[in-house]
């Protein structure tokens, strides 16, 4: 077996997927098997990477293709993909479904560690319990598809909605908004998990009480212009991930 590069995205493979089993022989069936065989039209002899969603991955070769899916044989050792430190998570005020799907997909591609919907006073969207459950299921599927496309070995955690007070209690919150500080003014996280959570508010902005609650937290600038609800979170995550990369290189 070969010793592959650290990143699944750098492996010489035709596709990437996720599975619970990273043994020497793996069966890929169900929706994943159907997609790889019938949609991607992969055939015996082609190679794919399979990850467990927590950072481990392996290179495989398709040995057998059949109606139920694919049988794979390992062609590399098990690899632990590097993790960006500090980690970057996103908390964003609830907005319409299409915008949330776009944000989750693009931020997954960028490498976000976690996405948390936030209830804010000026949100135009409100979820009851059943709506929240359906939305989280959809967003997790969106994140998985984006992780397959971008070939990352870690799936971001899509968590249940929280309010501003619960989020603020986590610590290491960075508030993203027009007029904030440049990224190099944002101090490294102080918490044991070594993670920033960048918070993006609703289109109507934070209510006065929410602003007071967030006032002592670092504020990250997103440029001089007013950004759309689906643009601001993507920009904020991209800026902080670049900042995290700079800290790794120092």
C-alpha atoms as a PDB file:
ATOM      1  CA  UNK A   1       0.000   0.000   0.000  1.00  0.00           C
ATOM      2  CA  UNK A   2       1.092   3.551  -0.656  1.00  0.00           C
ATOM      3  CA  UNK A   3       1.525   6.278   1.944  1.00  0.00           C
ATOM      4  CA  UNK A   4      -0.717   9.075   0.614  1.00  0.00           C
ATOM      5  CA  UNK A   5      -0.511  12.814   1.141  1.00  0.00           C
ATOM      6  CA  UNK A   6      -2.118  14.262   4.262  1.00  0.00           C
ATOM      7  CA  UNK A   7      -5.105  15.907   2.570  1.00  0.00           C
ATOM      8  CA  UNK A   8      -7.792  13.826   0.900  1.00  0.00           C
ATOM      9  CA  UNK A   9      -8.197  16.622  -1.659  1.00  0.00           C
ATOM     10  CA  UNK A  10      -4.633  15.965  -2.892  1.00  0.00           C
ATOM     11  CA  UNK A  11      -5.130  12.235  -3.471  1.00  0.00           C
ATOM     12  CA  UNK A  12      -5.318  10.926  -7.023  1.00  0.00           C
ATOM     13  CA  UNK A  13      -8.983   9.941  -6.875  1.00  0.00           C
ATOM     14  CA  UNK A  14     -12.089  10.320  -9.031  1.00  0.00           C
ATOM     15  CA  UNK A  15     -14.487  11.018  -6.137  1.00  0.00           C
ATOM     16  CA  UNK A  16     -14.809  11.365  -2.370  1.00  0.00           C
ATOM     17  CA  UNK A  17     -17.428  10.003   0.011  1.00  0.00           C
ATOM     18  CA  UNK A  18     -18.038   9.171   3.673  1.00  0.00           C
ATOM     19  CA  UNK A  19     -18.495   5.897   5.497  1.00  0.00           C
ATOM     20  CA  UNK A  20     -18.346   4.354   8.951  1.00  0.00           C
ATOM     21  CA  UNK A  21     -15.988   1.577   7.856  1.00  0.00           C
ATOM     22  CA  UNK A  22     -12.423   2.330   6.691  1.00  0.00           C
ATOM     23  CA  UNK A  23     -11.277  -1.285   6.671  1.00  0.00           C
ATOM     24  CA  UNK A  24      -9.301  -3.042   3.949  1.00  0.00           C
ATOM     25  CA  UNK A  25     -12.503  -3.941   2.060  1.00  0.00           C
ATOM     26  CA  UNK A  26     -15.499  -1.595   2.089  1.00  0.00           C
ATOM     27  CA  UNK A  27     -18.998  -1.869   0.647  1.00  0.00           C
ATOM     28  CA  UNK A  28     -20.650   1.379  -0.490  1.00  0.00           C
ATOM     29  CA  UNK A  29     -24.383   0.939  -0.970  1.00  0.00           C
ATOM     30  CA  UNK A  30     -27.610   2.881  -0.586  1.00  0.00           C
ATOM     31  CA  UNK A  31     -27.785   6.457  -1.824  1.00  0.00           C
ATOM     32  CA  UNK A  32     -24.000   6.831  -1.846  1.00  0.00           C
ATOM     33  CA  UNK A  33     -23.488   3.697  -3.912  1.00  0.00           C
ATOM     34  CA  UNK A  34     -26.220   4.748  -6.333  1.00  0.00           C
ATOM     35  CA  UNK A  35     -24.709   8.217  -6.733  1.00  0.00           C
ATOM     36  CA  UNK A  36     -21.181   6.954  -7.349  1.00  0.00           C
ATOM     37  CA  UNK A  37     -22.221   4.209  -9.743  1.00  0.00           C
ATOM     38  CA  UNK A  38     -25.185   5.665 -11.624  1.00  0.00           C
ATOM     39  CA  UNK A  39     -24.664   9.438 -11.389  1.00  0.00           C
ATOM     40  CA  UNK A  40     -20.868   9.693 -11.301  1.00  0.00           C
ATOM     41  CA  UNK A  41     -20.625   6.549 -13.484  1.00  0.00           C
ATOM     42  CA  UNK A  42     -17.545   5.232 -11.700  1.00  0.00           C
ATOM     43  CA  UNK A  43     -16.269   1.871 -12.842  1.00  0.00           C
ATOM     44  CA  UNK A  44     -13.985  -0.923 -11.620  1.00  0.00           C
ATOM     45  CA  UNK A  45     -10.370   0.192 -11.476  1.00  0.00           C
ATOM     46  CA  UNK A  46     -11.122   3.795 -10.581  1.00  0.00           C
ATOM     47  CA  UNK A  47     -10.060   5.172  -7.226  1.00  0.00           C
ATOM     48  CA  UNK A  48     -12.003   7.104  -4.614  1.00  0.00           C
ATOM     49  CA  UNK A  49     -11.277   8.420  -1.133  1.00  0.00           C
ATOM     50  CA  UNK A  50     -13.495   7.515   1.820  1.00  0.00           C
ATOM     51  CA  UNK A  51     -13.500   9.486   5.096  1.00  0.00           C
ATOM     52  CA  UNK A  52     -15.149   8.877   8.443  1.00  0.00           C
ATOM     53  CA  UNK A  53     -16.253  12.508   8.904  1.00  0.00           C
ATOM     54  CA  UNK A  54     -13.944  13.008  11.905  1.00  0.00           C
ATOM     55  CA  UNK A  55     -10.671  13.496  10.008  1.00  0.00           C
ATOM     56  CA  UNK A  56      -9.608   9.949   9.067  1.00  0.00           C
ATOM     57  CA  UNK A  57      -9.582   8.913   5.401  1.00  0.00           C
ATOM     58  CA  UNK A  58      -8.219   6.265   3.064  1.00  0.00           C
ATOM     59  CA  UNK A  59      -7.693   5.752  -0.662  1.00  0.00           C
ATOM     60  CA  UNK A  60      -9.610   2.860  -2.275  1.00  0.00           C
ATOM     61  CA  UNK A  61      -9.941   1.227  -5.673  1.00  0.00           C
ATOM     62  CA  UNK A  62     -13.271   0.000  -7.004  1.00  0.00           C
ATOM     63  CA  UNK A  63     -13.027  -3.783  -7.322  1.00  0.00           C
ATOM     64  CA  UNK A  64     -16.637  -4.720  -8.062  1.00  0.00           C
ATOM     65  CA  UNK A  65     -19.586  -2.679  -9.326  1.00  0.00           C
ATOM     66  CA  UNK A  66     -23.081  -4.056  -9.029  1.00  0.00           C
ATOM     67  CA  UNK A  67     -26.681  -2.903  -8.814  1.00  0.00           C
ATOM     68  CA  UNK A  68     -26.504  -2.408  -5.037  1.00  0.00           C
ATOM     69  CA  UNK A  69     -23.371  -0.294  -5.131  1.00  0.00           C
ATOM     70  CA  UNK A  70     -19.601  -0.754  -5.093  1.00  0.00           C
ATOM     71  CA  UNK A  71     -17.031  -2.918  -3.352  1.00  0.00           C
ATOM     72  CA  UNK A  72     -13.765  -1.129  -2.609  1.00  0.00           C
ATOM     73  CA  UNK A  73     -10.284  -2.373  -1.739  1.00  0.00           C
ATOM     74  CA  UNK A  74      -7.863  -0.180   0.219  1.00  0.00           C
ATOM     75  CA  UNK A  75      -4.887   1.198  -1.687  1.00  0.00           C
ATOM     76  CA  UNK A  76      -3.351   3.285   1.093  1.00  0.00           C
ATOM     77  CA  UNK A  77      -2.836   3.347   4.809  1.00  0.00           C
ATOM     78  CA  UNK A  78      -5.275   5.168   7.091  1.00  0.00           C
ATOM     79  CA  UNK A  79      -4.520   8.904   7.173  1.00  0.00           C
ATOM     80  CA  UNK A  80      -5.443  11.595   9.712  1.00  0.00           C
ATOM     81  CA  UNK A  81      -6.116  14.822   7.874  1.00  0.00           C
ATOM     82  CA  UNK A  82      -4.583  17.926   9.558  1.00  0.00           C
ATOM     83  CA  UNK A  83      -6.986  20.202  11.398  1.00  0.00           C
ATOM     84  CA  UNK A  84      -6.850  23.965  11.166  1.00  0.00           C
ATOM     85  CA  UNK A  85      -5.942  25.520  14.536  1.00  0.00           C
ATOM     86  CA  UNK A  86      -7.481  27.790  15.715  1.00  0.00           C
ATOM     87  CA  UNK A  87     -10.728  26.248  14.531  1.00  0.00           C
ATOM     88  CA  UNK A  88     -13.312  28.568  12.994  1.00  0.00           C
ATOM     89  CA  UNK A  89     -17.024  28.104  13.694  1.00  0.00           C
ATOM     90  CA  UNK A  90     -19.960  30.147  12.471  1.00  0.00           C
ATOM     91  CA  UNK A  91     -23.051  31.363  14.295  1.00  0.00           C
ATOM     92  CA  UNK A  92     -25.564  33.159  12.104  1.00  0.00           C
ATOM     93  CA  UNK A  93     -28.968  34.657  12.626  1.00  0.00           C
ATOM     94  CA  UNK A  94     -31.830  32.710  11.089  1.00  0.00           C
ATOM     95  CA  UNK A  95     -32.648  33.685   7.545  1.00  0.00           C
ATOM     96  CA  UNK A  96     -34.552  32.142   4.651  1.00  0.00           C
ATOM     97  CA  UNK A  97     -33.859  28.517   3.786  1.00  0.00           C
ATOM     98  CA  UNK A  98     -32.099  29.086   0.479  1.00  0.00           C
ATOM     99  CA  UNK A  99     -29.626  31.503   2.039  1.00  0.00           C
ATOM    100  CA  UNK A 100     -28.857  29.090   4.892  1.00  0.00           C
ATOM    101  CA  UNK A 101     -28.219  26.264   2.436  1.00  0.00           C
ATOM    102  CA  UNK A 102     -25.824  28.475   0.459  1.00  0.00           C
ATOM    103  CA  UNK A 103     -23.974  29.585   3.585  1.00  0.00           C
ATOM    104  CA  UNK A 104     -23.585  26.044   4.929  1.00  0.00           C
ATOM    105  CA  UNK A 105     -22.351  24.718   1.585  1.00  0.00           C
ATOM    106  CA  UNK A 106     -19.817  27.482   0.930  1.00  0.00           C
ATOM    107  CA  UNK A 107     -18.535  27.569   4.528  1.00  0.00           C
ATOM    108  CA  UNK A 108     -18.143  23.780   4.517  1.00  0.00           C
ATOM    109  CA  UNK A 109     -15.952  24.130   1.434  1.00  0.00           C
ATOM    110  CA  UNK A 110     -13.869  26.755   3.232  1.00  0.00           C
ATOM    111  CA  UNK A 111     -13.316  24.486   6.247  1.00  0.00           C
ATOM    112  CA  UNK A 112     -15.710  25.702   8.943  1.00  0.00           C
ATOM    113  CA  UNK A 113     -15.787  23.451  12.011  1.00  0.00           C
ATOM    114  CA  UNK A 114     -19.343  24.141  13.202  1.00  0.00           C
ATOM    115  CA  UNK A 115     -22.446  26.070  12.146  1.00  0.00           C
ATOM    116  CA  UNK A 116     -25.007  27.224  14.715  1.00  0.00           C
ATOM    117  CA  UNK A 117     -28.263  29.007  13.777  1.00  0.00           C
ATOM    118  CA  UNK A 118     -29.049  31.860  16.166  1.00  0.00           C
ATOM    119  CA  UNK A 119     -32.354  33.349  17.281  1.00  0.00           C
ATOM    120  CA  UNK A 120     -32.084  37.150  17.227  1.00  0.00           C
ATOM    121  CA  UNK A 121     -34.838  39.691  17.829  1.00  0.00           C
ATOM    122  CA  UNK A 122     -34.749  41.084  14.299  1.00  0.00           C
ATOM    123  CA  UNK A 123     -34.785  37.697  12.534  1.00  0.00           C
ATOM    124  CA  UNK A 124     -37.426  37.523   9.817  1.00  0.00           C
ATOM    125  CA  UNK A 125     -37.549  33.715  10.091  1.00  0.00           C
ATOM    126  CA  UNK A 126     -38.714  31.780  13.145  1.00  0.00           C
ATOM    127  CA  UNK A 127     -38.672  27.988  13.568  1.00  0.00           C
ATOM    128  CA  UNK A 128     -40.899  25.868  15.754  1.00  0.00           C
ATOM    129  CA  UNK A 129     -39.550  22.520  16.971  1.00  0.00           C
ATOM    130  CA  UNK A 130     -40.642  20.540  13.907  1.00  0.00           C
ATOM    131  CA  UNK A 131     -39.326  23.179  11.499  1.00  0.00           C
ATOM    132  CA  UNK A 132     -36.004  23.220  13.316  1.00  0.00           C
ATOM    133  CA  UNK A 133     -35.692  19.437  13.097  1.00  0.00           C
ATOM    134  CA  UNK A 134     -36.418  19.415   9.359  1.00  0.00           C
ATOM    135  CA  UNK A 135     -34.081  22.336   8.714  1.00  0.00           C
ATOM    136  CA  UNK A 136     -31.192  20.741  10.607  1.00  0.00           C
ATOM    137  CA  UNK A 137     -31.625  17.487   8.688  1.00  0.00           C
ATOM    138  CA  UNK A 138     -31.526  19.401   5.407  1.00  0.00           C
ATOM    139  CA  UNK A 139     -28.520  21.507   6.412  1.00  0.00           C
ATOM    140  CA  UNK A 140     -26.563  18.430   7.531  1.00  0.00           C
ATOM    141  CA  UNK A 141     -27.220  16.822   4.149  1.00  0.00           C
ATOM    142  CA  UNK A 142     -26.103  20.044   2.460  1.00  0.00           C
ATOM    143  CA  UNK A 143     -22.888  20.065   4.498  1.00  0.00           C
ATOM    144  CA  UNK A 144     -22.189  16.427   3.653  1.00  0.00           C
ATOM    145  CA  UNK A 145     -22.619  17.021  -0.064  1.00  0.00           C
ATOM    146  CA  UNK A 146     -20.352  20.086   0.089  1.00  0.00           C
ATOM    147  CA  UNK A 147     -17.724  18.116   2.041  1.00  0.00           C
ATOM    148  CA  UNK A 148     -17.799  15.404  -0.625  1.00  0.00           C
ATOM    149  CA  UNK A 149     -17.416  18.004  -3.379  1.00  0.00           C
ATOM    150  CA  UNK A 150     -14.552  19.771  -1.603  1.00  0.00           C
ATOM    151  CA  UNK A 151     -13.002  16.470  -0.458  1.00  0.00           C
ATOM    152  CA  UNK A 152     -12.592  17.328   3.190  1.00  0.00           C
ATOM    153  CA  UNK A 153     -12.320  14.498   5.702  1.00  0.00           C
ATOM    154  CA  UNK A 154     -14.158  16.289   8.526  1.00  0.00           C
ATOM    155  CA  UNK A 155     -17.862  17.025   8.462  1.00  0.00           C
ATOM    156  CA  UNK A 156     -18.838  20.285  10.155  1.00  0.00           C
ATOM    157  CA  UNK A 157     -21.120  20.023  13.156  1.00  0.00           C
ATOM    158  CA  UNK A 158     -24.532  21.570  12.388  1.00  0.00           C
ATOM    159  CA  UNK A 159     -26.004  22.305  15.816  1.00  0.00           C
ATOM    160  CA  UNK A 160     -29.442  23.192  17.133  1.00  0.00           C
ATOM    161  CA  UNK A 161     -30.417  26.887  17.247  1.00  0.00           C
ATOM    162  CA  UNK A 162     -29.513  28.972  20.306  1.00  0.00           C
ATOM    163  CA  UNK A 163     -30.277  32.499  21.439  1.00  0.00           C
ATOM    164  CA  UNK A 164     -27.743  35.314  21.827  1.00  0.00           C
ATOM    165  CA  UNK A 165     -27.319  34.817  25.577  1.00  0.00           C
ATOM    166  CA  UNK A 166     -26.567  31.103  25.226  1.00  0.00           C
ATOM    167  CA  UNK A 167     -24.113  31.769  22.415  1.00  0.00           C
ATOM    168  CA  UNK A 168     -22.341  34.568  24.289  1.00  0.00           C
ATOM    169  CA  UNK A 169     -21.770  32.247  27.241  1.00  0.00           C
ATOM    170  CA  UNK A 170     -19.508  30.060  25.100  1.00  0.00           C
ATOM    171  CA  UNK A 171     -16.696  32.628  25.004  1.00  0.00           C
ATOM    172  CA  UNK A 172     -14.317  33.476  22.138  1.00  0.00           C
ATOM    173  CA  UNK A 173     -17.123  35.068  20.121  1.00  0.00           C
ATOM    174  CA  UNK A 174     -16.109  37.373  17.294  1.00  0.00           C
ATOM    175  CA  UNK A 175     -18.882  39.658  16.030  1.00  0.00           C
ATOM    176  CA  UNK A 176     -18.674  40.253  12.279  1.00  0.00           C
ATOM    177  CA  UNK A 177     -20.019  43.543  10.979  1.00  0.00           C
ATOM    178  CA  UNK A 178     -19.243  46.564   8.866  1.00  0.00           C
ATOM    179  CA  UNK A 179     -16.909  48.913  10.723  1.00  0.00           C
ATOM    180  CA  UNK A 180     -15.157  46.211  12.748  1.00  0.00           C
ATOM    181  CA  UNK A 181     -11.430  45.695  13.163  1.00  0.00           C
ATOM    182  CA  UNK A 182      -9.098  44.073  10.611  1.00  0.00           C
ATOM    183  CA  UNK A 183      -8.427  40.373  11.057  1.00  0.00           C
ATOM    184  CA  UNK A 184      -4.878  40.861  12.357  1.00  0.00           C
ATOM    185  CA  UNK A 185      -6.336  42.745  15.331  1.00  0.00           C
ATOM    186  CA  UNK A 186      -8.346  39.665  16.407  1.00  0.00           C
ATOM    187  CA  UNK A 187      -6.518  37.911  19.232  1.00  0.00           C
ATOM    188  CA  UNK A 188      -6.148  34.118  19.205  1.00  0.00           C
ATOM    189  CA  UNK A 189      -8.873  32.220  21.085  1.00  0.00           C
ATOM    190  CA  UNK A 190      -8.298  31.841  24.819  1.00  0.00           C
ATOM    191  CA  UNK A 191     -10.549  28.833  25.459  1.00  0.00           C
ATOM    192  CA  UNK A 192      -9.363  25.261  25.826  1.00  0.00           C
ATOM    193  CA  UNK A 193     -11.010  24.265  22.527  1.00  0.00           C
ATOM    194  CA  UNK A 194      -8.905  26.855  20.626  1.00  0.00           C
ATOM    195  CA  UNK A 195     -11.866  27.957  18.526  1.00  0.00           C
ATOM    196  CA  UNK A 196     -13.315  31.241  17.315  1.00  0.00           C
ATOM    197  CA  UNK A 197     -17.066  31.452  16.799  1.00  0.00           C
ATOM    198  CA  UNK A 198     -17.816  34.266  14.381  1.00  0.00           C
ATOM    199  CA  UNK A 199     -21.321  35.674  14.825  1.00  0.00           C
ATOM    200  CA  UNK A 200     -23.216  37.270  11.934  1.00  0.00           C
ATOM    201  CA  UNK A 201     -26.436  39.085  12.807  1.00  0.00           C
ATOM    202  CA  UNK A 202     -29.748  39.437  10.956  1.00  0.00           C
ATOM    203  CA  UNK A 203     -30.335  41.773   8.027  1.00  0.00           C
ATOM    204  CA  UNK A 204     -32.018  44.244  10.387  1.00  0.00           C
ATOM    205  CA  UNK A 205     -29.007  44.261  12.700  1.00  0.00           C
ATOM    206  CA  UNK A 206     -28.846  43.438  16.386  1.00  0.00           C
ATOM    207  CA  UNK A 207     -31.397  44.885  18.821  1.00  0.00           C
ATOM    208  CA  UNK A 208     -30.049  47.366  21.401  1.00  0.00           C
ATOM    209  CA  UNK A 209     -30.071  44.778  24.187  1.00  0.00           C
ATOM    210  CA  UNK A 210     -28.205  42.298  21.993  1.00  0.00           C
ATOM    211  CA  UNK A 211     -25.626  44.932  21.095  1.00  0.00           C
ATOM    212  CA  UNK A 212     -25.069  45.631  24.766  1.00  0.00           C
ATOM    213  CA  UNK A 213     -24.575  41.895  25.403  1.00  0.00           C
ATOM    214  CA  UNK A 214     -22.018  41.689  22.595  1.00  0.00           C
ATOM    215  CA  UNK A 215     -20.353  45.058  23.123  1.00  0.00           C
ATOM    216  CA  UNK A 216     -17.178  43.840  24.842  1.00  0.00           C
ATOM    217  CA  UNK A 217     -16.478  41.138  22.297  1.00  0.00           C
ATOM    218  CA  UNK A 218     -14.029  41.643  19.409  1.00  0.00           C
ATOM    219  CA  UNK A 219     -15.643  42.929  16.215  1.00  0.00           C
ATOM    220  CA  UNK A 220     -14.359  41.790  12.819  1.00  0.00           C
ATOM    221  CA  UNK A 221     -14.701  44.106   9.833  1.00  0.00           C
ATOM    222  CA  UNK A 222     -16.096  42.752   6.565  1.00  0.00           C
ATOM    223  CA  UNK A 223     -15.225  45.702   4.352  1.00  0.00           C
ATOM    224  CA  UNK A 224     -16.877  49.053   3.602  1.00  0.00           C
ATOM    225  CA  UNK A 225     -20.024  47.781   1.888  1.00  0.00           C
ATOM    226  CA  UNK A 226     -23.338  46.395   3.101  1.00  0.00           C
ATOM    227  CA  UNK A 227     -23.330  42.638   2.485  1.00  0.00           C
ATOM    228  CA  UNK A 228     -26.276  40.349   1.852  1.00  0.00           C
ATOM    229  CA  UNK A 229     -27.360  37.870   4.522  1.00  0.00           C
ATOM    230  CA  UNK A 230     -25.781  34.952   2.620  1.00  0.00           C
ATOM    231  CA  UNK A 231     -22.600  36.883   1.720  1.00  0.00           C
ATOM    232  CA  UNK A 232     -21.563  38.182   5.147  1.00  0.00           C
ATOM    233  CA  UNK A 233     -21.166  34.759   6.859  1.00  0.00           C
ATOM    234  CA  UNK A 234     -19.110  33.369   3.980  1.00  0.00           C
ATOM    235  CA  UNK A 235     -16.857  36.429   4.008  1.00  0.00           C
ATOM    236  CA  UNK A 236     -16.449  36.267   7.789  1.00  0.00           C
ATOM    237  CA  UNK A 237     -15.483  32.586   7.753  1.00  0.00           C
ATOM    238  CA  UNK A 238     -13.049  33.089   4.862  1.00  0.00           C
ATOM    239  CA  UNK A 239     -11.346  36.008   6.649  1.00  0.00           C
ATOM    240  CA  UNK A 240     -10.941  34.145   9.944  1.00  0.00           C
ATOM    241  CA  UNK A 241      -9.753  30.942   8.267  1.00  0.00           C
ATOM    242  CA  UNK A 242      -7.069  32.959   6.521  1.00  0.00           C
ATOM    243  CA  UNK A 243      -6.174  34.520   9.899  1.00  0.00           C
ATOM    244  CA  UNK A 244      -6.001  31.046  11.460  1.00  0.00           C
ATOM    245  CA  UNK A 245      -3.658  29.969   8.676  1.00  0.00           C
ATOM    246  CA  UNK A 246      -1.414  32.936   9.408  1.00  0.00           C
ATOM    247  CA  UNK A 247      -1.262  31.987  13.090  1.00  0.00           C
ATOM    248  CA  UNK A 248      -0.341  28.408  12.138  1.00  0.00           C
ATOM    249  CA  UNK A 249       2.557  29.700  10.055  1.00  0.00           C
ATOM    250  CA  UNK A 250       3.916  32.046  12.732  1.00  0.00           C
END
